[in-house]
């Protein structure tokens, strides 16, 4: 398994630990002009949960892979947090913002995998 896929799996694990909903991985590696290999999209019900999801990813990825994001924006507002790990960009949304930007539709040519919610 390559390093990017290991990173994707670690991020998904961290999101599931904090009950992230509607997790989607988008493989952009076959798309010309894409800015990374994967997008991961998830939603939290409230800004507090969005922050908790971000913290969980930060901590677990660092603990397991010794990697920190190259950048993260939106942490203060916690409506949409984007974390850039270079080959993977994570988008954590509240539901209304996710619906508005609809990244899954924007990048519909990607290979999209929906991860079942953990109850």
C-alpha atoms as a PDB file:
ATOM      1  CA  UNK A   1       0.000   0.000   0.000  1.00  0.00           C
ATOM      2  CA  UNK A   2       1.440   3.385  -0.935  1.00  0.00           C
ATOM      3  CA  UNK A   3       2.006   6.234   1.518  1.00  0.00           C
ATOM      4  CA  UNK A   4      -0.937   8.283   0.263  1.00  0.00           C
ATOM      5  CA  UNK A   5      -3.396   5.421   0.760  1.00  0.00           C
ATOM      6  CA  UNK A   6      -2.006   4.846   4.267  1.00  0.00           C
ATOM      7  CA  UNK A   7      -2.592   8.546   4.988  1.00  0.00           C
ATOM      8  CA  UNK A   8      -6.153   8.361   3.611  1.00  0.00           C
ATOM      9  CA  UNK A   9      -6.900   5.352   5.832  1.00  0.00           C
ATOM     10  CA  UNK A  10      -5.503   7.106   8.925  1.00  0.00           C
ATOM     11  CA  UNK A  11      -7.597  10.211   8.254  1.00  0.00           C
ATOM     12  CA  UNK A  12     -10.754   8.132   7.767  1.00  0.00           C
ATOM     13  CA  UNK A  13     -10.043   6.251  10.995  1.00  0.00           C
ATOM     14  CA  UNK A  14      -9.691   9.536  12.907  1.00  0.00           C
ATOM     15  CA  UNK A  15     -12.934  10.861  11.417  1.00  0.00           C
ATOM     16  CA  UNK A  16     -14.807   7.703  12.338  1.00  0.00           C
ATOM     17  CA  UNK A  17     -13.525   7.897  15.921  1.00  0.00           C
ATOM     18  CA  UNK A  18     -15.355  11.232  16.307  1.00  0.00           C
ATOM     19  CA  UNK A  19     -18.477  10.065  14.458  1.00  0.00           C
ATOM     20  CA  UNK A  20     -17.901  12.062  11.275  1.00  0.00           C
ATOM     21  CA  UNK A  21     -20.855  11.669   8.907  1.00  0.00           C
ATOM     22  CA  UNK A  22     -21.077  11.031   5.169  1.00  0.00           C
ATOM     23  CA  UNK A  23     -17.352  10.456   4.695  1.00  0.00           C
ATOM     24  CA  UNK A  24     -16.333  10.440   1.034  1.00  0.00           C
ATOM     25  CA  UNK A  25     -12.910   9.776  -0.463  1.00  0.00           C
ATOM     26  CA  UNK A  26     -12.293  11.109  -3.941  1.00  0.00           C
ATOM     27  CA  UNK A  27      -9.399   9.714  -5.959  1.00  0.00           C
ATOM     28  CA  UNK A  28      -8.282  12.597  -8.176  1.00  0.00           C
ATOM     29  CA  UNK A  29      -5.051  10.969  -9.357  1.00  0.00           C
ATOM     30  CA  UNK A  30      -6.394  10.238 -12.853  1.00  0.00           C
ATOM     31  CA  UNK A  31      -7.740  13.763 -13.375  1.00  0.00           C
ATOM     32  CA  UNK A  32      -5.580  16.190 -15.305  1.00  0.00           C
ATOM     33  CA  UNK A  33      -4.809  19.349 -13.395  1.00  0.00           C
ATOM     34  CA  UNK A  34      -5.900  18.101  -9.984  1.00  0.00           C
ATOM     35  CA  UNK A  35      -4.187  19.778  -7.037  1.00  0.00           C
ATOM     36  CA  UNK A  36      -3.704  16.581  -5.021  1.00  0.00           C
ATOM     37  CA  UNK A  37      -4.247  12.835  -5.257  1.00  0.00           C
ATOM     38  CA  UNK A  38      -7.218  12.630  -2.866  1.00  0.00           C
ATOM     39  CA  UNK A  39      -9.930  14.775  -1.388  1.00  0.00           C
ATOM     40  CA  UNK A  40     -11.631  13.528   1.735  1.00  0.00           C
ATOM     41  CA  UNK A  41     -14.947  15.163   2.590  1.00  0.00           C
ATOM     42  CA  UNK A  42     -16.830  14.768   5.863  1.00  0.00           C
ATOM     43  CA  UNK A  43     -19.384  16.647   7.877  1.00  0.00           C
ATOM     44  CA  UNK A  44     -19.958  17.344  11.528  1.00  0.00           C
ATOM     45  CA  UNK A  45     -23.322  18.446  12.852  1.00  0.00           C
ATOM     46  CA  UNK A  46     -22.023  21.562  14.620  1.00  0.00           C
ATOM     47  CA  UNK A  47     -18.915  23.765  14.637  1.00  0.00           C
ATOM     48  CA  UNK A  48     -17.883  22.008  17.866  1.00  0.00           C
ATOM     49  CA  UNK A  49     -17.955  18.626  16.132  1.00  0.00           C
ATOM     50  CA  UNK A  50     -16.146  20.057  13.088  1.00  0.00           C
ATOM     51  CA  UNK A  51     -13.373  21.213  15.446  1.00  0.00           C
ATOM     52  CA  UNK A  52     -13.302  17.834  17.184  1.00  0.00           C
ATOM     53  CA  UNK A  53     -12.959  16.066  13.821  1.00  0.00           C
ATOM     54  CA  UNK A  54     -10.064  18.334  12.872  1.00  0.00           C
ATOM     55  CA  UNK A  55      -8.333  17.752  16.215  1.00  0.00           C
ATOM     56  CA  UNK A  56      -8.812  13.993  15.918  1.00  0.00           C
ATOM     57  CA  UNK A  57      -7.229  13.912  12.451  1.00  0.00           C
ATOM     58  CA  UNK A  58      -4.340  16.140  13.523  1.00  0.00           C
ATOM     59  CA  UNK A  59      -3.594  13.955  16.561  1.00  0.00           C
ATOM     60  CA  UNK A  60      -4.033  10.486  15.039  1.00  0.00           C
ATOM     61  CA  UNK A  61      -2.133  11.218  11.822  1.00  0.00           C
ATOM     62  CA  UNK A  62       0.741  12.692  13.808  1.00  0.00           C
ATOM     63  CA  UNK A  63       0.718   9.785  16.277  1.00  0.00           C
ATOM     64  CA  UNK A  64       0.652   7.074  13.584  1.00  0.00           C
ATOM     65  CA  UNK A  65       2.516   8.661  10.668  1.00  0.00           C
ATOM     66  CA  UNK A  66       4.436  11.586  12.237  1.00  0.00           C
ATOM     67  CA  UNK A  67       2.874  13.942   9.683  1.00  0.00           C
ATOM     68  CA  UNK A  68       1.346  17.356  10.250  1.00  0.00           C
ATOM     69  CA  UNK A  69      -0.716  19.227   7.690  1.00  0.00           C
ATOM     70  CA  UNK A  70       1.165  21.689   5.504  1.00  0.00           C
ATOM     71  CA  UNK A  71      -1.643  24.118   6.218  1.00  0.00           C
ATOM     72  CA  UNK A  72      -5.091  24.318   7.737  1.00  0.00           C
ATOM     73  CA  UNK A  73      -7.696  27.034   7.325  1.00  0.00           C
ATOM     74  CA  UNK A  74     -11.097  27.700   8.845  1.00  0.00           C
ATOM     75  CA  UNK A  75     -10.186  26.430  12.301  1.00  0.00           C
ATOM     76  CA  UNK A  76     -11.433  29.528  14.143  1.00  0.00           C
ATOM     77  CA  UNK A  77     -14.885  29.589  12.514  1.00  0.00           C
ATOM     78  CA  UNK A  78     -15.214  25.777  12.243  1.00  0.00           C
ATOM     79  CA  UNK A  79     -17.816  25.978   9.469  1.00  0.00           C
ATOM     80  CA  UNK A  80     -15.448  24.540   6.849  1.00  0.00           C
ATOM     81  CA  UNK A  81     -11.979  23.400   7.853  1.00  0.00           C
ATOM     82  CA  UNK A  82      -9.553  22.446   5.098  1.00  0.00           C
ATOM     83  CA  UNK A  83      -6.401  20.533   6.047  1.00  0.00           C
ATOM     84  CA  UNK A  84      -3.696  20.124   3.400  1.00  0.00           C
ATOM     85  CA  UNK A  85      -1.450  17.080   3.718  1.00  0.00           C
ATOM     86  CA  UNK A  86       0.080  17.594   0.263  1.00  0.00           C
ATOM     87  CA  UNK A  87      -1.218  14.515  -1.523  1.00  0.00           C
ATOM     88  CA  UNK A  88      -4.480  14.591   0.472  1.00  0.00           C
ATOM     89  CA  UNK A  89      -6.741  17.546   1.237  1.00  0.00           C
ATOM     90  CA  UNK A  90      -9.378  17.053   3.912  1.00  0.00           C
ATOM     91  CA  UNK A  91     -12.567  19.134   3.919  1.00  0.00           C
ATOM     92  CA  UNK A  92     -14.632  19.131   7.127  1.00  0.00           C
ATOM     93  CA  UNK A  93     -17.979  20.892   6.770  1.00  0.00           C
ATOM     94  CA  UNK A  94     -21.127  21.695   8.666  1.00  0.00           C
ATOM     95  CA  UNK A  95     -24.033  20.311   6.564  1.00  0.00           C
ATOM     96  CA  UNK A  96     -25.267  23.634   5.127  1.00  0.00           C
ATOM     97  CA  UNK A  97     -21.826  24.655   3.863  1.00  0.00           C
ATOM     98  CA  UNK A  98     -21.190  21.188   2.412  1.00  0.00           C
ATOM     99  CA  UNK A  99     -24.490  21.340   0.526  1.00  0.00           C
ATOM    100  CA  UNK A 100     -23.738  24.839  -0.755  1.00  0.00           C
ATOM    101  CA  UNK A 101     -20.276  24.062  -2.175  1.00  0.00           C
ATOM    102  CA  UNK A 102     -21.142  20.512  -3.277  1.00  0.00           C
ATOM    103  CA  UNK A 103     -17.544  19.442  -3.956  1.00  0.00           C
ATOM    104  CA  UNK A 104     -18.652  15.921  -4.842  1.00  0.00           C
ATOM    105  CA  UNK A 105     -20.519  17.329  -7.844  1.00  0.00           C
ATOM    106  CA  UNK A 106     -17.730  19.732  -8.765  1.00  0.00           C
ATOM    107  CA  UNK A 107     -15.236  16.840  -8.917  1.00  0.00           C
ATOM    108  CA  UNK A 108     -17.744  14.233 -10.169  1.00  0.00           C
ATOM    109  CA  UNK A 109     -15.183  12.788 -12.622  1.00  0.00           C
ATOM    110  CA  UNK A 110     -13.148  11.471  -9.682  1.00  0.00           C
ATOM    111  CA  UNK A 111     -13.389   7.925  -8.408  1.00  0.00           C
ATOM    112  CA  UNK A 112     -15.689   8.522  -5.417  1.00  0.00           C
ATOM    113  CA  UNK A 113     -15.972   6.107  -2.502  1.00  0.00           C
ATOM    114  CA  UNK A 114     -18.607   6.578   0.186  1.00  0.00           C
ATOM    115  CA  UNK A 115     -17.561   5.324   3.627  1.00  0.00           C
ATOM    116  CA  UNK A 116     -20.488   3.969   5.697  1.00  0.00           C
ATOM    117  CA  UNK A 117     -21.293   5.912   8.852  1.00  0.00           C
ATOM    118  CA  UNK A 118     -20.433   4.213  12.110  1.00  0.00           C
ATOM    119  CA  UNK A 119     -23.489   4.134  14.334  1.00  0.00           C
END
